[in-house]
Amino acid sequence: MQLKNIYKAFENKKVLENFSLSLHKGDIICLMGESGIGKTTLFNIILGLIKPDSGEIIDPFKSISCVFQEDRLLDGFSSLDNLRFVLGDTIDEETLIKECAKLNIDPVTARQDVATLSGGQRRRIAILRALLYPHELLLLDEAFKGLDEHNRNLAIDYIKQNSDTILIITHDAQECRLFGGRAIQINTNLTI
């Protein structure tokens, strides 16, 4: 996928200007930079949630999965039901329980309403949901907030085993090192 000369403004405030990036199968890229510099806007453009004012995306990935800054889980439903909402009946319950366990979510917790879970448990279910969805590209937007070091490292290992092309927004250089990714400092006039 190639992002070419992407420009986006909101109410005459430039967020991205002349931004270009090539992302190839197998790449792990960590986008870093100040808050408000356009990192999440870039993800929303890649996801097709917003359109750039100018520029283009050439050869986009056909299937993209994402962990947003917010968990975006459905309260009133169990963790398993939240997974099924995205996956349908493509994975049986026994397999879902096994996958939950890989992120330190036990079977009892997996069957609880997500509204009753801790922030870290909710975050791990959001990560699992994104990973189990078939994808060529995984986008992670501050995906590990609320996780202690052990569960963050567990999640990163799980992601590396189950995703091959990853674009990460993070403020944490250690996360980039743990992924073995290439760090890119984003600013408004960046071309890569």
N, C-alpha and C. Protein backbone atom coordinates (compact mmCIF):
# COMPACT_ATOMS: atom_id res chain seq x y z
N MET A 1 0.85 -1.17 0.00
CA MET A 1 0.00 0.00 0.00
C MET A 1 0.89 1.23 0.00
N GLN A 2 0.49 2.21 -0.78
CA GLN A 2 1.24 3.46 -0.80
C GLN A 2 0.30 4.62 -0.54
N LEU A 3 0.64 5.42 0.46
CA LEU A 3 -0.05 6.68 0.70
C LEU A 3 0.77 7.75 0.01
N LYS A 4 0.12 8.52 -0.84
CA LYS A 4 0.87 9.47 -1.66
C LYS A 4 0.31 10.87 -1.50
N ASN A 5 1.13 11.74 -0.94
CA ASN A 5 0.81 13.17 -0.81
C ASN A 5 -0.54 13.42 -0.14
N ILE A 6 -0.78 12.76 0.97
CA ILE A 6 -2.06 12.90 1.68
C ILE A 6 -2.11 14.26 2.37
N TYR A 7 -3.23 14.94 2.13
CA TYR A 7 -3.48 16.23 2.78
C TYR A 7 -4.86 16.16 3.42
N LYS A 8 -4.95 16.59 4.68
CA LYS A 8 -6.24 16.65 5.37
C LYS A 8 -6.24 17.83 6.32
N ALA A 9 -7.34 18.60 6.25
CA ALA A 9 -7.52 19.72 7.16
C ALA A 9 -8.92 19.62 7.75
N PHE A 10 -9.07 20.13 8.94
CA PHE A 10 -10.37 20.25 9.59
C PHE A 10 -10.57 21.72 9.94
N GLU A 11 -11.62 22.32 9.38
CA GLU A 11 -11.93 23.73 9.61
C GLU A 11 -10.69 24.59 9.39
N ASN A 12 -10.07 24.41 8.24
CA ASN A 12 -8.88 25.17 7.81
C ASN A 12 -7.63 24.94 8.66
N LYS A 13 -7.65 23.95 9.56
CA LYS A 13 -6.45 23.60 10.33
C LYS A 13 -5.83 22.36 9.69
N LYS A 14 -4.62 22.52 9.13
CA LYS A 14 -3.93 21.39 8.51
C LYS A 14 -3.59 20.35 9.56
N VAL A 15 -3.93 19.10 9.27
CA VAL A 15 -3.59 17.99 10.15
C VAL A 15 -2.51 17.14 9.49
N LEU A 16 -2.68 16.86 8.22
CA LEU A 16 -1.67 16.14 7.43
C LEU A 16 -1.39 16.95 6.17
N GLU A 17 -0.12 17.07 5.83
CA GLU A 17 0.23 17.80 4.62
C GLU A 17 1.34 17.06 3.89
N ASN A 18 1.06 16.69 2.65
CA ASN A 18 2.05 16.04 1.80
C ASN A 18 2.64 14.80 2.47
N PHE A 19 1.78 14.00 3.12
CA PHE A 19 2.25 12.80 3.83
C PHE A 19 2.28 11.63 2.86
N SER A 20 3.42 10.97 2.79
CA SER A 20 3.59 9.79 1.93
C SER A 20 4.23 8.68 2.74
N LEU A 21 3.80 7.45 2.47
CA LEU A 21 4.32 6.29 3.19
C LEU A 21 4.06 5.05 2.34
N SER A 22 5.04 4.18 2.25
CA SER A 22 4.86 2.88 1.62
C SER A 22 4.86 1.83 2.71
N LEU A 23 3.87 0.93 2.65
CA LEU A 23 3.74 -0.14 3.62
C LEU A 23 3.62 -1.44 2.86
N HIS A 24 4.57 -2.34 3.08
CA HIS A 24 4.62 -3.60 2.36
C HIS A 24 4.27 -4.77 3.27
N LYS A 25 3.84 -5.86 2.69
CA LYS A 25 3.51 -7.06 3.46
C LYS A 25 4.71 -7.43 4.33
N GLY A 26 4.45 -7.67 5.60
CA GLY A 26 5.51 -8.03 6.54
C GLY A 26 6.12 -6.86 7.30
N ASP A 27 5.78 -5.63 6.92
CA ASP A 27 6.30 -4.45 7.61
C ASP A 27 5.65 -4.29 8.99
N ILE A 28 6.43 -3.83 9.93
CA ILE A 28 5.93 -3.39 11.23
C ILE A 28 6.44 -1.97 11.40
N ILE A 29 5.52 -1.01 11.37
CA ILE A 29 5.89 0.40 11.45
C ILE A 29 5.19 1.03 12.64
N CYS A 30 5.97 1.75 13.44
CA CYS A 30 5.45 2.47 14.61
C CYS A 30 5.45 3.96 14.29
N LEU A 31 4.26 4.55 14.24
CA LEU A 31 4.15 5.99 14.04
C LEU A 31 4.17 6.67 15.39
N MET A 32 5.08 7.62 15.53
CA MET A 32 5.23 8.32 16.80
C MET A 32 5.17 9.81 16.52
N GLY A 33 4.76 10.56 17.52
CA GLY A 33 4.69 12.01 17.38
C GLY A 33 3.76 12.60 18.41
N GLU A 34 3.75 13.92 18.46
CA GLU A 34 2.93 14.64 19.43
C GLU A 34 1.45 14.34 19.22
N SER A 35 0.66 14.51 20.27
CA SER A 35 -0.79 14.41 20.15
C SER A 35 -1.26 15.52 19.21
N GLY A 36 -2.25 15.20 18.40
CA GLY A 36 -2.84 16.19 17.49
C GLY A 36 -2.09 16.37 16.20
N ILE A 37 -1.07 15.55 15.94
CA ILE A 37 -0.25 15.70 14.74
C ILE A 37 -0.85 15.01 13.53
N GLY A 38 -1.88 14.16 13.74
CA GLY A 38 -2.57 13.54 12.60
C GLY A 38 -2.46 12.03 12.51
N LYS A 39 -1.93 11.40 13.54
CA LYS A 39 -1.74 9.94 13.48
C LYS A 39 -3.08 9.20 13.39
N THR A 40 -4.01 9.53 14.26
CA THR A 40 -5.32 8.86 14.23
C THR A 40 -6.09 9.24 12.98
N THR A 41 -5.95 10.47 12.53
CA THR A 41 -6.58 10.88 11.26
C THR A 41 -6.06 10.02 10.12
N LEU A 42 -4.77 9.75 10.12
CA LEU A 42 -4.18 8.89 9.10
C LEU A 42 -4.81 7.50 9.12
N PHE A 43 -4.98 6.92 10.32
CA PHE A 43 -5.63 5.61 10.44
C PHE A 43 -7.05 5.67 9.88
N ASN A 44 -7.78 6.72 10.22
CA ASN A 44 -9.16 6.84 9.74
C ASN A 44 -9.21 6.97 8.22
N ILE A 45 -8.21 7.58 7.62
CA ILE A 45 -8.13 7.65 6.16
C ILE A 45 -7.84 6.26 5.59
N ILE A 46 -6.90 5.54 6.18
CA ILE A 46 -6.58 4.18 5.72
C ILE A 46 -7.81 3.28 5.82
N LEU A 47 -8.58 3.43 6.92
CA LEU A 47 -9.78 2.62 7.13
C LEU A 47 -10.95 3.05 6.24
N GLY A 48 -10.83 4.20 5.59
CA GLY A 48 -11.92 4.69 4.75
C GLY A 48 -13.01 5.38 5.54
N LEU A 49 -12.74 5.71 6.82
CA LEU A 49 -13.74 6.37 7.65
C LEU A 49 -13.83 7.86 7.33
N ILE A 50 -12.72 8.44 6.87
CA ILE A 50 -12.74 9.80 6.36
C ILE A 50 -11.92 9.83 5.07
N LYS A 51 -12.19 10.82 4.25
CA LYS A 51 -11.47 10.95 2.98
C LYS A 51 -10.44 12.06 3.11
N PRO A 52 -9.28 11.86 2.47
CA PRO A 52 -8.31 12.96 2.46
C PRO A 52 -8.84 14.08 1.56
N ASP A 53 -8.40 15.29 1.81
CA ASP A 53 -8.78 16.41 0.95
C ASP A 53 -8.07 16.30 -0.39
N SER A 54 -6.87 15.75 -0.36
CA SER A 54 -6.15 15.46 -1.60
C SER A 54 -5.14 14.35 -1.31
N GLY A 55 -4.56 13.82 -2.38
CA GLY A 55 -3.66 12.69 -2.27
C GLY A 55 -4.40 11.40 -2.57
N GLU A 56 -3.67 10.31 -2.52
CA GLU A 56 -4.30 9.04 -2.88
C GLU A 56 -3.67 7.87 -2.12
N ILE A 57 -4.46 6.79 -2.07
CA ILE A 57 -3.97 5.53 -1.53
C ILE A 57 -3.92 4.56 -2.70
N ILE A 58 -2.72 4.06 -2.98
CA ILE A 58 -2.50 3.16 -4.11
C ILE A 58 -2.33 1.74 -3.56
N ASP A 59 -2.98 0.78 -4.19
CA ASP A 59 -2.92 -0.63 -3.79
C ASP A 59 -3.22 -0.83 -2.30
N PRO A 60 -4.39 -0.39 -1.83
CA PRO A 60 -4.71 -0.58 -0.41
C PRO A 60 -4.86 -2.06 -0.07
N PHE A 61 -4.64 -2.37 1.18
CA PHE A 61 -4.87 -3.73 1.66
C PHE A 61 -6.36 -4.03 1.56
N LYS A 62 -6.69 -5.25 1.19
CA LYS A 62 -8.10 -5.63 1.02
C LYS A 62 -8.83 -5.84 2.33
N SER A 63 -8.14 -6.35 3.35
CA SER A 63 -8.79 -6.57 4.64
C SER A 63 -7.92 -5.97 5.75
N ILE A 64 -8.56 -5.10 6.53
CA ILE A 64 -7.87 -4.37 7.59
C ILE A 64 -8.63 -4.60 8.89
N SER A 65 -7.89 -4.82 9.95
CA SER A 65 -8.48 -4.90 11.28
C SER A 65 -7.83 -3.83 12.14
N CYS A 66 -8.53 -3.40 13.18
CA CYS A 66 -8.04 -2.26 13.95
C CYS A 66 -8.38 -2.39 15.42
N VAL A 67 -7.44 -1.97 16.26
CA VAL A 67 -7.71 -1.73 17.67
C VAL A 67 -7.68 -0.21 17.83
N PHE A 68 -8.84 0.36 18.14
CA PHE A 68 -8.96 1.80 18.31
C PHE A 68 -8.47 2.21 19.69
N GLN A 69 -8.35 3.52 19.91
CA GLN A 69 -7.98 4.02 21.24
C GLN A 69 -9.01 3.62 22.28
N GLU A 70 -10.28 3.60 21.88
CA GLU A 70 -11.36 3.17 22.77
C GLU A 70 -11.61 1.69 22.50
N ASP A 71 -12.14 0.97 23.49
CA ASP A 71 -12.36 -0.47 23.31
C ASP A 71 -13.47 -0.77 22.30
N ARG A 72 -14.49 0.06 22.25
CA ARG A 72 -15.61 -0.11 21.32
C ARG A 72 -16.28 -1.48 21.45
N LEU A 73 -16.43 -1.92 22.69
CA LEU A 73 -17.12 -3.18 22.97
C LEU A 73 -18.61 -2.90 23.20
N LEU A 74 -19.42 -3.93 23.06
CA LEU A 74 -20.86 -3.82 23.24
C LEU A 74 -21.22 -4.21 24.66
N ASP A 75 -21.45 -3.20 25.52
CA ASP A 75 -21.88 -3.49 26.89
C ASP A 75 -23.23 -4.20 26.84
N GLY A 76 -23.46 -5.07 27.83
CA GLY A 76 -24.68 -5.86 27.84
C GLY A 76 -24.49 -7.22 27.20
N PHE A 77 -23.30 -7.43 26.64
CA PHE A 77 -22.96 -8.70 25.99
C PHE A 77 -21.67 -9.23 26.60
N SER A 78 -21.51 -10.53 26.56
CA SER A 78 -20.28 -11.15 27.09
C SER A 78 -19.11 -10.89 26.16
N SER A 79 -17.93 -11.21 26.65
CA SER A 79 -16.72 -11.13 25.81
C SER A 79 -16.89 -12.03 24.59
N LEU A 80 -17.39 -13.24 24.82
CA LEU A 80 -17.58 -14.18 23.71
C LEU A 80 -18.56 -13.63 22.68
N ASP A 81 -19.64 -13.01 23.16
CA ASP A 81 -20.61 -12.42 22.23
C ASP A 81 -20.01 -11.24 21.46
N ASN A 82 -19.14 -10.47 22.12
CA ASN A 82 -18.46 -9.38 21.43
C ASN A 82 -17.55 -9.92 20.32
N LEU A 83 -16.92 -11.05 20.58
CA LEU A 83 -16.08 -11.68 19.55
C LEU A 83 -16.96 -12.21 18.41
N ARG A 84 -18.06 -12.85 18.76
CA ARG A 84 -18.97 -13.40 17.75
C ARG A 84 -19.59 -12.31 16.89
N PHE A 85 -19.78 -11.12 17.47
CA PHE A 85 -20.37 -10.02 16.71
C PHE A 85 -19.54 -9.72 15.46
N VAL A 86 -18.24 -9.82 15.58
CA VAL A 86 -17.33 -9.56 14.46
C VAL A 86 -17.08 -10.82 13.64
N LEU A 87 -17.00 -11.97 14.30
CA LEU A 87 -16.60 -13.21 13.65
C LEU A 87 -17.76 -14.06 13.15
N GLY A 88 -18.97 -13.81 13.64
CA GLY A 88 -20.08 -14.68 13.32
C GLY A 88 -19.83 -16.06 13.91
N ASP A 89 -20.22 -17.07 13.16
CA ASP A 89 -20.03 -18.46 13.63
C ASP A 89 -18.80 -19.11 13.01
N THR A 90 -17.82 -18.31 12.61
CA THR A 90 -16.64 -18.86 11.94
C THR A 90 -15.71 -19.59 12.90
N ILE A 91 -15.81 -19.30 14.20
CA ILE A 91 -14.96 -19.94 15.21
C ILE A 91 -15.87 -20.46 16.32
N ASP A 92 -15.68 -21.72 16.70
CA ASP A 92 -16.52 -22.31 17.74
C ASP A 92 -16.13 -21.78 19.12
N GLU A 93 -17.03 -21.97 20.10
CA GLU A 93 -16.82 -21.42 21.44
C GLU A 93 -15.58 -21.99 22.11
N GLU A 94 -15.32 -23.26 21.94
CA GLU A 94 -14.14 -23.86 22.57
C GLU A 94 -12.86 -23.18 22.08
N THR A 95 -12.78 -22.92 20.79
CA THR A 95 -11.61 -22.23 20.23
C THR A 95 -11.53 -20.80 20.76
N LEU A 96 -12.66 -20.11 20.84
CA LEU A 96 -12.66 -18.74 21.38
C LEU A 96 -12.15 -18.71 22.82
N ILE A 97 -12.58 -19.68 23.62
CA ILE A 97 -12.13 -19.77 25.01
C ILE A 97 -10.61 -19.98 25.06
N LYS A 98 -10.09 -20.85 24.18
CA LYS A 98 -8.64 -21.09 24.13
C LYS A 98 -7.89 -19.82 23.74
N GLU A 99 -8.44 -19.06 22.79
CA GLU A 99 -7.79 -17.82 22.36
C GLU A 99 -7.84 -16.78 23.48
N CYS A 100 -8.96 -16.72 24.20
CA CYS A 100 -9.06 -15.81 25.36
C CYS A 100 -7.97 -16.13 26.38
N ALA A 101 -7.75 -17.40 26.63
CA ALA A 101 -6.76 -17.82 27.62
C ALA A 101 -5.36 -17.34 27.23
N LYS A 102 -5.08 -17.26 25.94
CA LYS A 102 -3.76 -16.79 25.49
C LYS A 102 -3.51 -15.34 25.87
N LEU A 103 -4.60 -14.60 26.14
CA LEU A 103 -4.47 -13.21 26.59
C LEU A 103 -4.89 -13.05 28.05
N ASN A 104 -4.79 -14.17 28.78
CA ASN A 104 -5.02 -14.15 30.22
C ASN A 104 -6.47 -13.81 30.59
N ILE A 105 -7.42 -14.28 29.77
CA ILE A 105 -8.86 -14.14 30.06
C ILE A 105 -9.39 -15.55 30.30
N ASP A 106 -9.83 -15.82 31.54
CA ASP A 106 -10.31 -17.17 31.88
C ASP A 106 -11.73 -17.39 31.36
N PRO A 107 -12.20 -18.65 31.30
CA PRO A 107 -13.53 -18.95 30.75
C PRO A 107 -14.68 -18.24 31.47
N VAL A 108 -14.59 -18.09 32.79
CA VAL A 108 -15.66 -17.41 33.53
C VAL A 108 -15.74 -15.94 33.09
N THR A 109 -14.59 -15.29 33.03
CA THR A 109 -14.54 -13.89 32.60
C THR A 109 -15.02 -13.75 31.16
N ALA A 110 -14.67 -14.68 30.30
CA ALA A 110 -15.07 -14.62 28.88
C ALA A 110 -16.59 -14.67 28.72
N ARG A 111 -17.28 -15.23 29.70
CA ARG A 111 -18.75 -15.35 29.62
C ARG A 111 -19.46 -14.21 30.34
N GLN A 112 -18.71 -13.33 30.99
CA GLN A 112 -19.30 -12.20 31.72
C GLN A 112 -19.61 -11.05 30.78
N ASP A 113 -20.60 -10.23 31.17
CA ASP A 113 -20.90 -8.98 30.47
C ASP A 113 -19.63 -8.12 30.49
N VAL A 114 -19.23 -7.61 29.35
CA VAL A 114 -17.99 -6.81 29.29
C VAL A 114 -18.09 -5.55 30.15
N ALA A 115 -19.31 -5.09 30.45
CA ALA A 115 -19.47 -3.90 31.30
C ALA A 115 -18.95 -4.15 32.71
N THR A 116 -18.84 -5.42 33.12
CA THR A 116 -18.38 -5.76 34.47
C THR A 116 -16.87 -5.98 34.53
N LEU A 117 -16.20 -5.94 33.39
CA LEU A 117 -14.77 -6.25 33.35
C LEU A 117 -13.92 -5.02 33.67
N SER A 118 -12.69 -5.27 34.10
CA SER A 118 -11.74 -4.18 34.33
C SER A 118 -11.32 -3.58 32.99
N GLY A 119 -10.70 -2.41 33.05
CA GLY A 119 -10.23 -1.77 31.82
C GLY A 119 -9.23 -2.64 31.06
N GLY A 120 -8.33 -3.29 31.80
CA GLY A 120 -7.33 -4.15 31.16
C GLY A 120 -7.95 -5.38 30.51
N GLN A 121 -8.97 -5.96 31.15
CA GLN A 121 -9.66 -7.10 30.55
C GLN A 121 -10.40 -6.68 29.28
N ARG A 122 -11.08 -5.54 29.34
CA ARG A 122 -11.80 -5.02 28.17
C ARG A 122 -10.82 -4.78 27.01
N ARG A 123 -9.66 -4.21 27.35
CA ARG A 123 -8.66 -3.91 26.32
C ARG A 123 -8.18 -5.19 25.66
N ARG A 124 -7.96 -6.25 26.44
CA ARG A 124 -7.48 -7.52 25.88
C ARG A 124 -8.55 -8.14 24.98
N ILE A 125 -9.83 -8.00 25.33
CA ILE A 125 -10.89 -8.51 24.46
C ILE A 125 -10.92 -7.71 23.15
N ALA A 126 -10.74 -6.40 23.23
CA ALA A 126 -10.70 -5.58 22.01
C ALA A 126 -9.53 -6.00 21.11
N ILE A 127 -8.38 -6.28 21.71
CA ILE A 127 -7.22 -6.74 20.94
C ILE A 127 -7.52 -8.11 20.32
N LEU A 128 -8.07 -9.01 21.10
CA LEU A 128 -8.38 -10.35 20.59
C LEU A 128 -9.36 -10.28 19.43
N ARG A 129 -10.39 -9.45 19.57
CA ARG A 129 -11.39 -9.29 18.50
C ARG A 129 -10.71 -8.86 17.19
N ALA A 130 -9.81 -7.91 17.28
CA ALA A 130 -9.11 -7.44 16.07
C ALA A 130 -8.22 -8.52 15.47
N LEU A 131 -7.57 -9.28 16.33
CA LEU A 131 -6.65 -10.31 15.85
C LEU A 131 -7.36 -11.49 15.21
N LEU A 132 -8.51 -11.86 15.75
CA LEU A 132 -9.24 -13.01 15.20
C LEU A 132 -9.95 -12.68 13.90
N TYR A 133 -10.23 -11.40 13.66
CA TYR A 133 -10.85 -11.00 12.41
C TYR A 133 -9.83 -11.20 11.28
N PRO A 134 -10.21 -11.88 10.19
CA PRO A 134 -9.24 -12.09 9.10
C PRO A 134 -8.76 -10.75 8.52
N HIS A 135 -7.45 -10.59 8.45
CA HIS A 135 -6.91 -9.31 8.00
C HIS A 135 -5.55 -9.50 7.34
N GLU A 136 -5.25 -8.56 6.46
CA GLU A 136 -3.90 -8.47 5.85
C GLU A 136 -3.09 -7.40 6.58
N LEU A 137 -3.78 -6.38 7.10
CA LEU A 137 -3.13 -5.27 7.79
C LEU A 137 -3.81 -5.07 9.13
N LEU A 138 -3.01 -4.91 10.19
CA LEU A 138 -3.52 -4.62 11.52
C LEU A 138 -3.09 -3.21 11.90
N LEU A 139 -4.06 -2.38 12.29
CA LEU A 139 -3.80 -1.04 12.78
C LEU A 139 -4.00 -1.02 14.29
N LEU A 140 -3.03 -0.49 15.01
CA LEU A 140 -3.10 -0.41 16.47
C LEU A 140 -2.94 1.04 16.89
N ASP A 141 -3.99 1.62 17.49
CA ASP A 141 -3.96 3.01 17.91
C ASP A 141 -3.92 3.08 19.43
N GLU A 142 -2.72 3.26 19.98
CA GLU A 142 -2.53 3.28 21.44
C GLU A 142 -3.21 2.06 22.06
N ALA A 143 -2.94 0.89 21.49
CA ALA A 143 -3.68 -0.34 21.79
C ALA A 143 -3.42 -0.92 23.18
N PHE A 144 -2.36 -0.49 23.85
CA PHE A 144 -1.98 -1.16 25.10
C PHE A 144 -2.24 -0.33 26.34
N LYS A 145 -2.96 0.78 26.19
CA LYS A 145 -3.25 1.61 27.35
C LYS A 145 -4.11 0.81 28.33
N GLY A 146 -3.78 0.96 29.61
CA GLY A 146 -4.53 0.25 30.64
C GLY A 146 -4.01 -1.15 30.93
N LEU A 147 -3.01 -1.60 30.20
CA LEU A 147 -2.46 -2.94 30.44
C LEU A 147 -1.19 -2.84 31.28
N ASP A 148 -1.07 -3.73 32.26
CA ASP A 148 0.18 -3.79 33.00
C ASP A 148 1.25 -4.39 32.09
N GLU A 149 2.49 -4.34 32.53
CA GLU A 149 3.61 -4.78 31.69
C GLU A 149 3.46 -6.23 31.25
N HIS A 150 3.08 -7.11 32.18
CA HIS A 150 2.93 -8.53 31.85
C HIS A 150 1.89 -8.74 30.74
N ASN A 151 0.71 -8.15 30.91
CA ASN A 151 -0.36 -8.34 29.92
C ASN A 151 -0.06 -7.62 28.61
N ARG A 152 0.65 -6.49 28.68
CA ARG A 152 1.07 -5.81 27.45
C ARG A 152 2.02 -6.69 26.66
N ASN A 153 3.01 -7.26 27.34
CA ASN A 153 3.98 -8.12 26.66
C ASN A 153 3.31 -9.37 26.10
N LEU A 154 2.37 -9.93 26.85
CA LEU A 154 1.59 -11.08 26.39
C LEU A 154 0.83 -10.72 25.11
N ALA A 155 0.18 -9.55 25.12
CA ALA A 155 -0.59 -9.11 23.96
C ALA A 155 0.32 -8.86 22.75
N ILE A 156 1.47 -8.25 22.97
CA ILE A 156 2.39 -7.98 21.87
C ILE A 156 2.88 -9.30 21.26
N ASP A 157 3.23 -10.27 22.10
CA ASP A 157 3.65 -11.58 21.58
C ASP A 157 2.54 -12.24 20.77
N TYR A 158 1.31 -12.16 21.28
CA TYR A 158 0.15 -12.74 20.59
C TYR A 158 -0.06 -12.07 19.23
N ILE A 159 0.06 -10.75 19.20
CA ILE A 159 -0.11 -9.99 17.95
C ILE A 159 0.96 -10.40 16.95
N LYS A 160 2.22 -10.47 17.39
CA LYS A 160 3.31 -10.83 16.48
C LYS A 160 3.12 -12.24 15.91
N GLN A 161 2.50 -13.14 16.68
CA GLN A 161 2.26 -14.50 16.20
C GLN A 161 1.09 -14.57 15.21
N ASN A 162 0.19 -13.59 15.28
CA ASN A 162 -1.05 -13.68 14.51
C ASN A 162 -1.25 -12.58 13.49
N SER A 163 -0.28 -11.71 13.34
CA SER A 163 -0.36 -10.64 12.35
C SER A 163 1.00 -10.45 11.74
N ASP A 164 0.98 -10.09 10.47
CA ASP A 164 2.25 -10.02 9.79
C ASP A 164 2.58 -8.60 9.34
N THR A 165 1.57 -7.82 8.99
CA THR A 165 1.79 -6.44 8.59
C THR A 165 1.05 -5.55 9.58
N ILE A 166 1.81 -4.69 10.27
CA ILE A 166 1.24 -3.95 11.39
C ILE A 166 1.67 -2.48 11.31
N LEU A 167 0.70 -1.60 11.52
CA LEU A 167 0.96 -0.17 11.62
C LEU A 167 0.47 0.26 13.00
N ILE A 168 1.38 0.81 13.80
CA ILE A 168 1.13 1.08 15.22
C ILE A 168 1.27 2.57 15.50
N ILE A 169 0.30 3.12 16.22
CA ILE A 169 0.45 4.45 16.81
C ILE A 169 0.80 4.23 18.27
N THR A 170 1.92 4.81 18.69
CA THR A 170 2.32 4.68 20.09
C THR A 170 3.16 5.88 20.49
N HIS A 171 3.12 6.20 21.77
CA HIS A 171 4.03 7.19 22.33
C HIS A 171 5.17 6.50 23.07
N ASP A 172 5.15 5.18 23.09
CA ASP A 172 6.07 4.39 23.90
C ASP A 172 7.14 3.72 23.02
N ALA A 173 8.36 4.22 23.10
CA ALA A 173 9.45 3.66 22.29
C ALA A 173 9.71 2.20 22.64
N GLN A 174 9.44 1.81 23.89
CA GLN A 174 9.65 0.42 24.28
C GLN A 174 8.70 -0.51 23.52
N GLU A 175 7.46 -0.07 23.31
CA GLU A 175 6.51 -0.88 22.54
C GLU A 175 7.05 -1.12 21.13
N CYS A 176 7.61 -0.09 20.54
CA CYS A 176 8.19 -0.23 19.20
C CYS A 176 9.33 -1.23 19.22
N ARG A 177 10.18 -1.17 20.24
CA ARG A 177 11.29 -2.12 20.36
C ARG A 177 10.76 -3.54 20.54
N LEU A 178 9.72 -3.71 21.35
CA LEU A 178 9.17 -5.05 21.58
C LEU A 178 8.59 -5.65 20.30
N PHE A 179 8.04 -4.82 19.45
CA PHE A 179 7.52 -5.29 18.17
C PHE A 179 8.65 -5.53 17.16
N GLY A 180 9.81 -4.91 17.39
CA GLY A 180 10.87 -5.00 16.40
C GLY A 180 10.53 -4.16 15.18
N GLY A 181 9.73 -3.13 15.41
CA GLY A 181 9.25 -2.30 14.31
C GLY A 181 10.17 -1.15 13.99
N ARG A 182 9.90 -0.55 12.85
CA ARG A 182 10.62 0.64 12.40
C ARG A 182 9.87 1.86 12.93
N ALA A 183 10.54 2.70 13.69
CA ALA A 183 9.92 3.91 14.25
C ALA A 183 9.97 5.02 13.23
N ILE A 184 8.83 5.68 13.07
CA ILE A 184 8.75 6.85 12.18
C ILE A 184 8.15 7.98 12.99
N GLN A 185 8.91 9.06 13.09
CA GLN A 185 8.42 10.25 13.77
C GLN A 185 7.58 11.03 12.76
N ILE A 186 6.30 11.18 13.06
CA ILE A 186 5.40 11.85 12.12
C ILE A 186 5.35 13.34 12.44
N ASN A 187 5.36 14.14 11.39
CA ASN A 187 5.11 15.58 11.51
C ASN A 187 4.32 16.02 10.30
N THR A 188 3.98 17.26 10.21
CA THR A 188 3.07 17.70 9.15
C THR A 188 3.71 17.76 7.77
N ASN A 189 5.00 17.63 7.66
CA ASN A 189 5.64 17.72 6.35
C ASN A 189 6.49 16.49 6.04
N LEU A 190 6.03 15.32 6.49
CA LEU A 190 6.84 14.11 6.39
C LEU A 190 6.58 13.35 5.10
N THR A 191 7.62 12.95 4.42
CA THR A 191 7.53 12.07 3.29
C THR A 191 8.49 10.91 3.52
N ILE A 192 7.95 9.68 3.42
CA ILE A 192 8.78 8.51 3.69
C ILE A 192 8.79 7.60 2.46
